[in-house]
Each structure stands twice: as C-alpha cells, then as structure tokens.
Amino acid sequence: MKAADRFDIPGASCLLQGEQLPVLNVSVGGLFVATPHSPIKGQLVELKLLLPGREPFTVAGVVSWLNDPAQPRAPELPQGFGIRIQRIALADKVALLDLLKRQSAPPRQR
C-alpha cells in the first residue's frame, strides 16, 4: 500500500467539537472530513475517528487543505477539509492500516 492510496470506508465518521461528520478519502497519513464549517488551513485539530467494527480513537493532525465549493480543489469531494495525521496511537495506526488493506474497492490515487 502506498501513502498516496486513498480509500472510501463506508460508515466512517468523526466527532469534531461535538459534531459527528462523514469521513471520506482515508489514507495511512490523513483523511478528509466533509463539513460546511471547515477550520482554518494550518490549524491543529483533534478528533475522534469512528470506523466500522472498531472502538473510537483519537487522532490529531493539521488541516492541510480546504475544499471550498466556490473553487474546489477536489470537485469529486464535498465541501470540507483534509488533515495530515500527526499523532495517533500505534495500536490505532495498525488497526487503520489493517482496515485499509481489507477494503474491497481499489484505492484512488491522489
């Protein structure tokens, strides 16, 4: 699996500031959160990642890009933001990697 491989995990979401939001386009190093209320690019965020069949776990990262509907960077994705994961417990990273490896759909390249 390459770092650039992105997967859509059905049912994946996160809790950010008390709001449950859909998570799309997941990789071993980051993910995309769909929301009309994006943080600022460069902002540090901490969220609870909710993946199917797994207890929620905390991920911290930096907002690396925004998908603005006026000028979408990724037209195939809804409004939201991407984060680059900077802190994740080793057991959670291993579980995330295992989940991505088991995805039936082929990965998308960035």
PDB file of N, CA and C in Angstrom:
ATOM      1  N   MET A   1       0.850  -1.178   0.000  1.00  0.00           N
ATOM      2  CA  MET A   1       0.000   0.000   0.000  1.00  0.00           C
ATOM      3  C   MET A   1       0.892   1.236   0.000  1.00  0.00           C
ATOM      4  N   LYS A   2       0.557   2.180  -0.859  1.00  0.00           N
ATOM      5  CA  LYS A   2       1.321   3.419  -0.957  1.00  0.00           C
ATOM      6  C   LYS A   2       0.685   4.500  -0.079  1.00  0.00           C
ATOM      7  N   ALA A   3       1.485   5.453   0.355  1.00  0.00           N
ATOM      8  CA  ALA A   3       0.969   6.553   1.177  1.00  0.00           C
ATOM      9  C   ALA A   3      -0.073   7.365   0.413  1.00  0.00           C
ATOM     10  N   ALA A   4       0.021   7.392  -0.917  1.00  0.00           N
ATOM     11  CA  ALA A   4      -0.915   8.170  -1.733  1.00  0.00           C
ATOM     12  C   ALA A   4      -2.237   7.436  -1.976  1.00  0.00           C
ATOM     13  N   ASP A   5      -2.331   6.160  -1.603  1.00  0.00           N
ATOM     14  CA  ASP A   5      -3.576   5.406  -1.797  1.00  0.00           C
ATOM     15  C   ASP A   5      -4.659   5.944  -0.873  1.00  0.00           C
ATOM     16  N   ARG A   6      -5.815   6.249  -1.439  1.00  0.00           N
ATOM     17  CA  ARG A   6      -6.949   6.781  -0.687  1.00  0.00           C
ATOM     18  C   ARG A   6      -8.117   5.812  -0.797  1.00  0.00           C
ATOM     19  N   PHE A   7      -8.819   5.616   0.326  1.00  0.00           N
ATOM     20  CA  PHE A   7      -9.941   4.690   0.359  1.00  0.00           C
ATOM     21  C   PHE A   7     -11.177   5.374   0.928  1.00  0.00           C
ATOM     22  N   ASP A   8     -12.328   5.011   0.396  1.00  0.00           N
ATOM     23  CA  ASP A   8     -13.598   5.412   0.996  1.00  0.00           C
ATOM     24  C   ASP A   8     -14.043   4.249   1.877  1.00  0.00           C
ATOM     25  N   ILE A   9     -14.262   4.523   3.148  1.00  0.00           N
ATOM     26  CA  ILE A   9     -14.685   3.493   4.095  1.00  0.00           C
ATOM     27  C   ILE A   9     -16.142   3.757   4.442  1.00  0.00           C
ATOM     28  N   PRO A  10     -17.062   2.928   3.944  1.00  0.00           N
ATOM     29  CA  PRO A  10     -18.481   3.149   4.242  1.00  0.00           C
ATOM     30  C   PRO A  10     -18.730   3.189   5.748  1.00  0.00           C
ATOM     31  N   GLY A  11     -19.465   4.182   6.189  1.00  0.00           N
ATOM     32  CA  GLY A  11     -19.816   4.314   7.594  1.00  0.00           C
ATOM     33  C   GLY A  11     -18.784   5.031   8.437  1.00  0.00           C
ATOM     34  N   ALA A  12     -17.650   5.439   7.856  1.00  0.00           N
ATOM     35  CA  ALA A  12     -16.626   6.146   8.631  1.00  0.00           C
ATOM     36  C   ALA A  12     -17.094   7.567   8.931  1.00  0.00           C
ATOM     37  N   SER A  13     -16.825   7.990  10.165  1.00  0.00           N
ATOM     38  CA  SER A  13     -17.169   9.360  10.563  1.00  0.00           C
ATOM     39  C   SER A  13     -16.215   9.786  11.671  1.00  0.00           C
ATOM     40  N   CYS A  14     -16.370  11.018  12.106  1.00  0.00           N
ATOM     41  CA  CYS A  14     -15.551  11.509  13.204  1.00  0.00           C
ATOM     42  C   CYS A  14     -16.376  12.442  14.069  1.00  0.00           C
ATOM     43  N   LEU A  15     -15.920  12.632  15.277  1.00  0.00           N
ATOM     44  CA  LEU A  15     -16.509  13.618  16.176  1.00  0.00           C
ATOM     45  C   LEU A  15     -15.520  14.773  16.274  1.00  0.00           C
ATOM     46  N   LEU A  16     -15.980  15.953  15.883  1.00  0.00           N
ATOM     47  CA  LEU A  16     -15.154  17.151  15.939  1.00  0.00           C
ATOM     48  C   LEU A  16     -15.977  18.239  16.603  1.00  0.00           C
ATOM     49  N   GLN A  17     -15.531  18.692  17.750  1.00  0.00           N
ATOM     50  CA  GLN A  17     -16.221  19.721  18.531  1.00  0.00           C
ATOM     51  C   GLN A  17     -17.690  19.361  18.751  1.00  0.00           C
ATOM     52  N   GLY A  18     -17.922  18.095  19.097  1.00  0.00           N
ATOM     53  CA  GLY A  18     -19.264  17.620  19.431  1.00  0.00           C
ATOM     54  C   GLY A  18     -20.148  17.316  18.245  1.00  0.00           C
ATOM     55  N   GLU A  19     -19.664  17.479  17.028  1.00  0.00           N
ATOM     56  CA  GLU A  19     -20.461  17.231  15.829  1.00  0.00           C
ATOM     57  C   GLU A  19     -19.938  15.979  15.122  1.00  0.00           C
ATOM     58  N   GLN A  20     -20.864  15.067  14.751  1.00  0.00           N
ATOM     59  CA  GLN A  20     -20.461  13.875  14.005  1.00  0.00           C
ATOM     60  C   GLN A  20     -20.491  14.207  12.524  1.00  0.00           C
ATOM     61  N   LEU A  21     -19.353  13.970  11.848  1.00  0.00           N
ATOM     62  CA  LEU A  21     -19.179  14.354  10.445  1.00  0.00           C
ATOM     63  C   LEU A  21     -18.695  13.162   9.627  1.00  0.00           C
ATOM     64  N   PRO A  22     -19.111  13.086   8.344  1.00  0.00           N
ATOM     65  CA  PRO A  22     -18.629  11.998   7.488  1.00  0.00           C
ATOM     66  C   PRO A  22     -17.141  12.133   7.190  1.00  0.00           C
ATOM     67  N   VAL A  23     -16.473  10.995   7.123  1.00  0.00           N
ATOM     68  CA  VAL A  23     -15.053  10.937   6.772  1.00  0.00           C
ATOM     69  C   VAL A  23     -14.930  10.188   5.448  1.00  0.00           C
ATOM     70  N   LEU A  24     -14.202  10.780   4.528  1.00  0.00           N
ATOM     71  CA  LEU A  24     -14.000  10.205   3.201  1.00  0.00           C
ATOM     72  C   LEU A  24     -12.516  10.183   2.893  1.00  0.00           C
ATOM     73  N   ASN A  25     -12.159   9.466   1.854  1.00  0.00           N
ATOM     74  CA  ASN A  25     -10.820   9.599   1.299  1.00  0.00           C
ATOM     75  C   ASN A  25      -9.734   9.383   2.359  1.00  0.00           C
ATOM     76  N   VAL A  26      -9.748   8.213   2.988  1.00  0.00           N
ATOM     77  CA  VAL A  26      -8.837   7.904   4.095  1.00  0.00           C
ATOM     78  C   VAL A  26      -7.547   7.265   3.563  1.00  0.00           C
ATOM     79  N   SER A  27      -6.425   7.665   4.132  1.00  0.00           N
ATOM     80  CA  SER A  27      -5.141   7.043   3.814  1.00  0.00           C
ATOM     81  C   SER A  27      -4.414   6.770   5.126  1.00  0.00           C
ATOM     82  N   VAL A  28      -3.240   6.165   5.050  1.00  0.00           N
ATOM     83  CA  VAL A  28      -2.485   5.893   6.267  1.00  0.00           C
ATOM     84  C   VAL A  28      -1.973   7.184   6.907  1.00  0.00           C
ATOM     85  N   GLY A  29      -1.902   8.259   6.136  1.00  0.00           N
ATOM     86  CA  GLY A  29      -1.361   9.504   6.670  1.00  0.00           C
ATOM     87  C   GLY A  29      -2.343  10.635   6.827  1.00  0.00           C
ATOM     88  N   GLY A  30      -3.603  10.427   6.430  1.00  0.00           N
ATOM     89  CA  GLY A  30      -4.557  11.524   6.532  1.00  0.00           C
ATOM     90  C   GLY A  30      -5.958  11.101   6.151  1.00  0.00           C
ATOM     91  N   LEU A  31      -6.857  12.079   6.165  1.00  0.00           N
ATOM     92  CA  LEU A  31      -8.254  11.816   5.831  1.00  0.00           C
ATOM     93  C   LEU A  31      -8.944  13.123   5.462  1.00  0.00           C
ATOM     94  N   PHE A  32     -10.130  12.992   4.898  1.00  0.00           N
ATOM     95  CA  PHE A  32     -10.934  14.144   4.508  1.00  0.00           C
ATOM     96  C   PHE A  32     -12.218  14.140   5.318  1.00  0.00           C
ATOM     97  N   VAL A  33     -12.575  15.282   5.884  1.00  0.00           N
ATOM     98  CA  VAL A  33     -13.800  15.442   6.675  1.00  0.00           C
ATOM     99  C   VAL A  33     -14.753  16.336   5.896  1.00  0.00           C
ATOM    100  N   ALA A  34     -15.962  15.843   5.633  1.00  0.00           N
ATOM    101  CA  ALA A  34     -16.972  16.614   4.920  1.00  0.00           C
ATOM    102  C   ALA A  34     -17.740  17.483   5.913  1.00  0.00           C
ATOM    103  N   THR A  35     -17.694  18.804   5.703  1.00  0.00           N
ATOM    104  CA  THR A  35     -18.394  19.740   6.579  1.00  0.00           C
ATOM    105  C   THR A  35     -18.459  21.113   5.927  1.00  0.00           C
ATOM    106  N   PRO A  36     -19.542  21.849   6.166  1.00  0.00           N
ATOM    107  CA  PRO A  36     -19.587  23.232   5.677  1.00  0.00           C
ATOM    108  C   PRO A  36     -18.845  24.191   6.610  1.00  0.00           C
ATOM    109  N   HIS A  37     -18.368  23.690   7.755  1.00  0.00           N
ATOM    110  CA  HIS A  37     -17.714  24.536   8.763  1.00  0.00           C
ATOM    111  C   HIS A  37     -16.254  24.114   8.934  1.00  0.00           C
ATOM    112  N   SER A  38     -15.445  24.368   7.930  1.00  0.00           N
ATOM    113  CA  SER A  38     -14.040  23.940   7.980  1.00  0.00           C
ATOM    114  C   SER A  38     -13.214  24.824   8.901  1.00  0.00           C
ATOM    115  N   PRO A  39     -12.242  24.204   9.594  1.00  0.00           N
ATOM    116  CA  PRO A  39     -11.278  25.005  10.342  1.00  0.00           C
ATOM    117  C   PRO A  39     -10.359  25.742   9.356  1.00  0.00           C
ATOM    118  N   ILE A  40      -9.438  26.473   9.877  1.00  0.00           N
ATOM    119  CA  ILE A  40      -8.503  27.246   9.055  1.00  0.00           C
ATOM    120  C   ILE A  40      -7.358  26.335   8.619  1.00  0.00           C
ATOM    121  N   LYS A  41      -6.890  26.509   7.389  1.00  0.00           N
ATOM    122  CA  LYS A  41      -5.736  25.746   6.915  1.00  0.00           C
ATOM    123  C   LYS A  41      -4.559  25.999   7.856  1.00  0.00           C
ATOM    124  N   GLY A  42      -3.890  24.935   8.259  1.00  0.00           N
ATOM    125  CA  GLY A  42      -2.773  25.022   9.185  1.00  0.00           C
ATOM    126  C   GLY A  42      -3.167  24.835  10.638  1.00  0.00           C
ATOM    127  N   GLN A  43      -4.469  24.841  10.920  1.00  0.00           N
ATOM    128  CA  GLN A  43      -4.942  24.678  12.293  1.00  0.00           C
ATOM    129  C   GLN A  43      -4.734  23.240  12.763  1.00  0.00           C
ATOM    130  N   LEU A  44      -4.361  23.081  14.024  1.00  0.00           N
ATOM    131  CA  LEU A  44      -4.257  21.758  14.618  1.00  0.00           C
ATOM    132  C   LEU A  44      -5.648  21.339  15.088  1.00  0.00           C
ATOM    133  N   VAL A  45      -6.035  20.116  14.775  1.00  0.00           N
ATOM    134  CA  VAL A  45      -7.336  19.605  15.199  1.00  0.00           C
ATOM    135  C   VAL A  45      -7.150  18.248  15.860  1.00  0.00           C
ATOM    136  N   GLU A  46      -8.030  17.958  16.798  1.00  0.00           N
ATOM    137  CA  GLU A  46      -8.073  16.650  17.431  1.00  0.00           C
ATOM    138  C   GLU A  46      -9.490  16.135  17.260  1.00  0.00           C
ATOM    139  N   LEU A  47      -9.614  14.927  16.770  1.00  0.00           N
ATOM    140  CA  LEU A  47     -10.945  14.358  16.545  1.00  0.00           C
ATOM    141  C   LEU A  47     -10.967  12.912  16.964  1.00  0.00           C
ATOM    142  N   LYS A  48     -12.177  12.435  17.190  1.00  0.00           N
ATOM    143  CA  LYS A  48     -12.393  11.010  17.477  1.00  0.00           C
ATOM    144  C   LYS A  48     -12.794  10.375  16.162  1.00  0.00           C
ATOM    145  N   LEU A  49     -12.035   9.397  15.733  1.00  0.00           N
ATOM    146  CA  LEU A  49     -12.332   8.699  14.493  1.00  0.00           C
ATOM    147  C   LEU A  49     -13.202   7.492  14.800  1.00  0.00           C
ATOM    148  N   LEU A  50     -14.323   7.384  14.082  1.00  0.00           N
ATOM    149  CA  LEU A  50     -15.277   6.292  14.271  1.00  0.00           C
ATOM    150  C   LEU A  50     -15.272   5.443  13.005  1.00  0.00           C
ATOM    151  N   LEU A  51     -14.712   4.248  13.110  1.00  0.00           N
ATOM    152  CA  LEU A  51     -14.631   3.337  11.978  1.00  0.00           C
ATOM    153  C   LEU A  51     -15.481   2.110  12.267  1.00  0.00           C
ATOM    154  N   PRO A  52     -16.093   1.520  11.242  1.00  0.00           N
ATOM    155  CA  PRO A  52     -16.945   0.347  11.450  1.00  0.00           C
ATOM    156  C   PRO A  52     -16.197  -0.792  12.142  1.00  0.00           C
ATOM    157  N   GLY A  53     -16.833  -1.377  13.154  1.00  0.00           N
ATOM    158  CA  GLY A  53     -16.273  -2.526  13.848  1.00  0.00           C
ATOM    159  C   GLY A  53     -15.098  -2.221  14.749  1.00  0.00           C
ATOM    160  N   ARG A  54     -14.919  -0.971  15.123  1.00  0.00           N
ATOM    161  CA  ARG A  54     -13.754  -0.567  15.926  1.00  0.00           C
ATOM    162  C   ARG A  54     -14.199   0.457  16.959  1.00  0.00           C
ATOM    163  N   GLU A  55     -13.611   0.401  18.133  1.00  0.00           N
ATOM    164  CA  GLU A  55     -13.877   1.427  19.145  1.00  0.00           C
ATOM    165  C   GLU A  55     -13.333   2.772  18.634  1.00  0.00           C
ATOM    166  N   PRO A  56     -14.015   3.880  18.933  1.00  0.00           N
ATOM    167  CA  PRO A  56     -13.497   5.196  18.530  1.00  0.00           C
ATOM    168  C   PRO A  56     -12.114   5.458  19.116  1.00  0.00           C
ATOM    169  N   PHE A  57     -11.287   6.171  18.365  1.00  0.00           N
ATOM    170  CA  PHE A  57      -9.960   6.518  18.853  1.00  0.00           C
ATOM    171  C   PHE A  57      -9.604   7.937  18.419  1.00  0.00           C
ATOM    172  N   THR A  58      -8.682   8.532  19.147  1.00  0.00           N
ATOM    173  CA  THR A  58      -8.305   9.928  18.923  1.00  0.00           C
ATOM    174  C   THR A  58      -7.181  10.035  17.904  1.00  0.00           C
ATOM    175  N   VAL A  59      -7.345  11.009  17.025  1.00  0.00           N
ATOM    176  CA  VAL A  59      -6.344  11.343  16.016  1.00  0.00           C
ATOM    177  C   VAL A  59      -6.126  12.844  16.082  1.00  0.00           C
ATOM    178  N   ALA A  60      -4.881  13.262  16.022  1.00  0.00           N
ATOM    179  CA  ALA A  60      -4.569  14.695  15.963  1.00  0.00           C
ATOM    180  C   ALA A  60      -3.813  14.954  14.677  1.00  0.00           C
ATOM    181  N   GLY A  61      -4.096  16.095  14.081  1.00  0.00           N
ATOM    182  CA  GLY A  61      -3.417  16.433  12.843  1.00  0.00           C
ATOM    183  C   GLY A  61      -3.566  17.898  12.517  1.00  0.00           C
ATOM    184  N   VAL A  62      -3.001  18.264  11.389  1.00  0.00           N
ATOM    185  CA  VAL A  62      -3.046  19.640  10.924  1.00  0.00           C
ATOM    186  C   VAL A  62      -3.920  19.701   9.672  1.00  0.00           C
ATOM    187  N   VAL A  63      -4.731  20.748   9.583  1.00  0.00           N
ATOM    188  CA  VAL A  63      -5.560  20.949   8.397  1.00  0.00           C
ATOM    189  C   VAL A  63      -4.618  21.301   7.247  1.00  0.00           C
ATOM    190  N   SER A  64      -4.543  20.413   6.263  1.00  0.00           N
ATOM    191  CA  SER A  64      -3.576  20.590   5.179  1.00  0.00           C
ATOM    192  C   SER A  64      -4.182  21.198   3.927  1.00  0.00           C
ATOM    193  N   TRP A  65      -5.510  21.092   3.777  1.00  0.00           N
ATOM    194  CA  TRP A  65      -6.152  21.705   2.618  1.00  0.00           C
ATOM    195  C   TRP A  65      -7.650  21.832   2.842  1.00  0.00           C
ATOM    196  N   LEU A  66      -8.253  22.749   2.100  1.00  0.00           N
ATOM    197  CA  LEU A  66      -9.692  23.002   2.182  1.00  0.00           C
ATOM    198  C   LEU A  66     -10.323  22.737   0.823  1.00  0.00           C
ATOM    199  N   ASN A  67     -11.510  22.204   0.822  1.00  0.00           N
ATOM    200  CA  ASN A  67     -12.272  22.022  -0.414  1.00  0.00           C
ATOM    201  C   ASN A  67     -13.438  23.004  -0.378  1.00  0.00           C
ATOM    202  N   ASP A  68     -13.213  24.152  -0.953  1.00  0.00           N
ATOM    203  CA  ASP A  68     -14.179  25.248  -0.974  1.00  0.00           C
ATOM    204  C   ASP A  68     -15.087  25.085  -2.196  1.00  0.00           C
ATOM    205  N   PRO A  69     -16.407  25.116  -2.021  1.00  0.00           N
ATOM    206  CA  PRO A  69     -17.299  24.912  -3.167  1.00  0.00           C
ATOM    207  C   PRO A  69     -17.141  25.990  -4.252  1.00  0.00           C
ATOM    208  N   ALA A  70     -16.701  27.188  -3.892  1.00  0.00           N
ATOM    209  CA  ALA A  70     -16.519  28.250  -4.884  1.00  0.00           C
ATOM    210  C   ALA A  70     -15.337  27.935  -5.807  1.00  0.00           C
ATOM    211  N   GLN A  71     -14.306  27.320  -5.251  1.00  0.00           N
ATOM    212  CA  GLN A  71     -13.124  26.914  -6.027  1.00  0.00           C
ATOM    213  C   GLN A  71     -12.644  25.568  -5.501  1.00  0.00           C
ATOM    214  N   PRO A  72     -13.347  24.484  -5.857  1.00  0.00           N
ATOM    215  CA  PRO A  72     -12.997  23.182  -5.287  1.00  0.00           C
ATOM    216  C   PRO A  72     -11.628  22.686  -5.749  1.00  0.00           C
ATOM    217  N   ARG A  73     -10.872  22.237  -4.801  1.00  0.00           N
ATOM    218  CA  ARG A  73      -9.574  21.621  -5.103  1.00  0.00           C
ATOM    219  C   ARG A  73      -9.783  20.178  -5.571  1.00  0.00           C
ATOM    220  N   ALA A  74     -10.833  19.537  -5.039  1.00  0.00           N
ATOM    221  CA  ALA A  74     -11.196  18.157  -5.413  1.00  0.00           C
ATOM    222  C   ALA A  74     -12.690  18.142  -5.714  1.00  0.00           C
ATOM    223  N   PRO A  75     -13.070  18.422  -6.972  1.00  0.00           N
ATOM    224  CA  PRO A  75     -14.501  18.524  -7.316  1.00  0.00           C
ATOM    225  C   PRO A  75     -15.316  17.273  -7.001  1.00  0.00           C
ATOM    226  N   GLU A  76     -14.662  16.111  -6.915  1.00  0.00           N
ATOM    227  CA  GLU A  76     -15.385  14.869  -6.627  1.00  0.00           C
ATOM    228  C   GLU A  76     -15.747  14.735  -5.154  1.00  0.00           C
ATOM    229  N   LEU A  77     -15.213  15.614  -4.312  1.00  0.00           N
ATOM    230  CA  LEU A  77     -15.493  15.580  -2.880  1.00  0.00           C
ATOM    231  C   LEU A  77     -16.397  16.748  -2.483  1.00  0.00           C
ATOM    232  N   PRO A  78     -17.155  16.570  -1.405  1.00  0.00           N
ATOM    233  CA  PRO A  78     -17.993  17.681  -0.928  1.00  0.00           C
ATOM    234  C   PRO A  78     -17.147  18.754  -0.244  1.00  0.00           C
ATOM    235  N   GLN A  79     -17.796  19.783   0.224  1.00  0.00           N
ATOM    236  CA  GLN A  79     -17.113  20.830   0.987  1.00  0.00           C
ATOM    237  C   GLN A  79     -16.537  20.212   2.254  1.00  0.00           C
ATOM    238  N   GLY A  80     -15.340  20.642   2.631  1.00  0.00           N
ATOM    239  CA  GLY A  80     -14.716  20.107   3.828  1.00  0.00           C
ATOM    240  C   GLY A  80     -13.231  20.393   3.852  1.00  0.00           C
ATOM    241  N   PHE A  81     -12.491  19.532   4.569  1.00  0.00           N
ATOM    242  CA  PHE A  81     -11.063  19.756   4.731  1.00  0.00           C
ATOM    243  C   PHE A  81     -10.316  18.438   4.881  1.00  0.00           C
ATOM    244  N   GLY A  82      -9.051  18.483   4.504  1.00  0.00           N
ATOM    245  CA  GLY A  82      -8.168  17.339   4.676  1.00  0.00           C
ATOM    246  C   GLY A  82      -7.242  17.581   5.847  1.00  0.00           C
ATOM    247  N   ILE A  83      -6.954  16.512   6.588  1.00  0.00           N
ATOM    248  CA  ILE A  83      -5.954  16.642   7.644  1.00  0.00           C
ATOM    249  C   ILE A  83      -4.820  15.658   7.394  1.00  0.00           C
ATOM    250  N   ARG A  84      -3.647  16.065   7.758  1.00  0.00           N
ATOM    251  CA  ARG A  84      -2.467  15.204   7.752  1.00  0.00           C
ATOM    252  C   ARG A  84      -2.289  14.749   9.201  1.00  0.00           C
ATOM    253  N   ILE A  85      -2.377  13.452   9.409  1.00  0.00           N
ATOM    254  CA  ILE A  85      -2.291  12.908  10.766  1.00  0.00           C
ATOM    255  C   ILE A  85      -0.887  13.123  11.316  1.00  0.00           C
ATOM    256  N   GLN A  86      -0.842  13.688  12.518  1.00  0.00           N
ATOM    257  CA  GLN A  86       0.433  13.904  13.190  1.00  0.00           C
ATOM    258  C   GLN A  86       0.578  13.080  14.457  1.00  0.00           C
ATOM    259  N   ARG A  87      -0.558  12.714  15.062  1.00  0.00           N
ATOM    260  CA  ARG A  87      -0.482  11.905  16.292  1.00  0.00           C
ATOM    261  C   ARG A  87      -1.611  10.877  16.296  1.00  0.00           C
ATOM    262  N   ILE A  88      -1.202   9.619  16.434  1.00  0.00           N
ATOM    263  CA  ILE A  88      -2.142   8.511  16.510  1.00  0.00           C
ATOM    264  C   ILE A  88      -1.433   7.402  17.293  1.00  0.00           C
ATOM    265  N   ALA A  89      -2.144   6.755  18.185  1.00  0.00           N
ATOM    266  CA  ALA A  89      -1.544   5.659  18.953  1.00  0.00           C
ATOM    267  C   ALA A  89      -1.144   4.529  18.004  1.00  0.00           C
ATOM    268  N   LEU A  90      -0.069   3.858  18.323  1.00  0.00           N
ATOM    269  CA  LEU A  90       0.452   2.791  17.462  1.00  0.00           C
ATOM    270  C   LEU A  90      -0.610   1.718  17.192  1.00  0.00           C
ATOM    271  N   ALA A  91      -1.319   1.281  18.219  1.00  0.00           N
ATOM    272  CA  ALA A  91      -2.346   0.241  18.030  1.00  0.00           C
ATOM    273  C   ALA A  91      -3.447   0.731  17.087  1.00  0.00           C
ATOM    274  N   ASP A  92      -3.800   2.008  17.167  1.00  0.00           N
ATOM    275  CA  ASP A  92      -4.828   2.559  16.290  1.00  0.00           C
ATOM    276  C   ASP A  92      -4.326   2.677  14.854  1.00  0.00           C
ATOM    277  N   LYS A  93      -3.060   3.033  14.686  1.00  0.00           N
ATOM    278  CA  LYS A  93      -2.490   3.116  13.338  1.00  0.00           C
ATOM    279  C   LYS A  93      -2.446   1.736  12.693  1.00  0.00           C
ATOM    280  N   VAL A  94      -2.062   0.722  13.456  1.00  0.00           N
ATOM    281  CA  VAL A  94      -2.032  -0.645  12.944  1.00  0.00           C
ATOM    282  C   VAL A  94      -3.442  -1.084  12.544  1.00  0.00           C
ATOM    283  N   ALA A  95      -4.437  -0.771  13.372  1.00  0.00           N
ATOM    284  CA  ALA A  95      -5.825  -1.130  13.063  1.00  0.00           C
ATOM    285  C   ALA A  95      -6.314  -0.396  11.817  1.00  0.00           C
ATOM    286  N   LEU A  96      -5.956   0.882  11.670  1.00  0.00           N
ATOM    287  CA  LEU A  96      -6.333   1.645  10.485  1.00  0.00           C
ATOM    288  C   LEU A  96      -5.696   1.043   9.241  1.00  0.00           C
ATOM    289  N   LEU A  97      -4.442   0.720   9.307  1.00  0.00           N
ATOM    290  CA  LEU A  97      -3.743   0.112   8.179  1.00  0.00           C
ATOM    291  C   LEU A  97      -4.384  -1.219   7.806  1.00  0.00           C
ATOM    292  N   ASP A  98      -4.717  -2.030   8.797  1.00  0.00           N
ATOM    293  CA  ASP A  98      -5.366  -3.313   8.549  1.00  0.00           C
ATOM    294  C   ASP A  98      -6.721  -3.114   7.865  1.00  0.00           C
ATOM    295  N   LEU A  99      -7.495  -2.147   8.333  1.00  0.00           N
ATOM    296  CA  LEU A  99      -8.798  -1.864   7.737  1.00  0.00           C
ATOM    297  C   LEU A  99      -8.631  -1.434   6.281  1.00  0.00           C
ATOM    298  N   LEU A 100      -7.668  -0.576   5.998  1.00  0.00           N
ATOM    299  CA  LEU A 100      -7.446  -0.117   4.627  1.00  0.00           C
ATOM    300  C   LEU A 100      -7.018  -1.271   3.719  1.00  0.00           C
ATOM    301  N   LYS A 101      -6.195  -2.165   4.224  1.00  0.00           N
ATOM    302  CA  LYS A 101      -5.749  -3.315   3.431  1.00  0.00           C
ATOM    303  C   LYS A 101      -6.904  -4.236   3.069  1.00  0.00           C
ATOM    304  N   ARG A 102      -7.918  -4.291   3.940  1.00  0.00           N
ATOM    305  CA  ARG A 102      -9.060  -5.189   3.719  1.00  0.00           C
ATOM    306  C   ARG A 102     -10.158  -4.580   2.861  1.00  0.00           C
ATOM    307  N   GLN A 103     -10.001  -3.346   2.415  1.00  0.00           N
ATOM    308  CA  GLN A 103     -11.035  -2.713   1.597  1.00  0.00           C
ATOM    309  C   GLN A 103     -11.159  -3.447   0.254  1.00  0.00           C
ATOM    310  N   SER A 104     -12.392  -3.722  -0.162  1.00  0.00           N
ATOM    311  CA  SER A 104     -12.607  -4.445  -1.402  1.00  0.00           C
ATOM    312  C   SER A 104     -12.444  -3.549  -2.628  1.00  0.00           C
ATOM    313  N   ALA A 105     -12.772  -2.270  -2.498  1.00  0.00           N
ATOM    314  CA  ALA A 105     -12.637  -1.354  -3.626  1.00  0.00           C
ATOM    315  C   ALA A 105     -11.178  -0.969  -3.791  1.00  0.00           C
ATOM    316  N   PRO A 106     -10.709  -0.850  -5.018  1.00  0.00           N
ATOM    317  CA  PRO A 106      -9.323  -0.454  -5.221  1.00  0.00           C
ATOM    318  C   PRO A 106      -9.101   0.980  -4.749  1.00  0.00           C
ATOM    319  N   PRO A 107      -7.880   1.287  -4.327  1.00  0.00           N
ATOM    320  CA  PRO A 107      -7.599   2.649  -3.854  1.00  0.00           C
ATOM    321  C   PRO A 107      -7.615   3.651  -4.989  1.00  0.00           C
ATOM    322  N   ARG A 108      -7.869   4.893  -4.628  1.00  0.00           N
ATOM    323  CA  ARG A 108      -7.762   6.006  -5.574  1.00  0.00           C
ATOM    324  C   ARG A 108      -6.407   6.649  -5.340  1.00  0.00           C
ATOM    325  N   GLN A 109      -5.767   7.057  -6.402  1.00  0.00           N
ATOM    326  CA  GLN A 109      -4.510   7.783  -6.282  1.00  0.00           C
ATOM    327  C   GLN A 109      -4.807   9.263  -6.190  1.00  0.00           C
ATOM    328  N   ARG A 110      -3.995   9.964  -5.420  1.00  0.00           N
ATOM    329  CA  ARG A 110      -4.179  11.411  -5.317  1.00  0.00           C
ATOM    330  C   ARG A 110      -3.628  12.053  -6.553  1.00  0.00           C
TER     331      ARG A 110
END
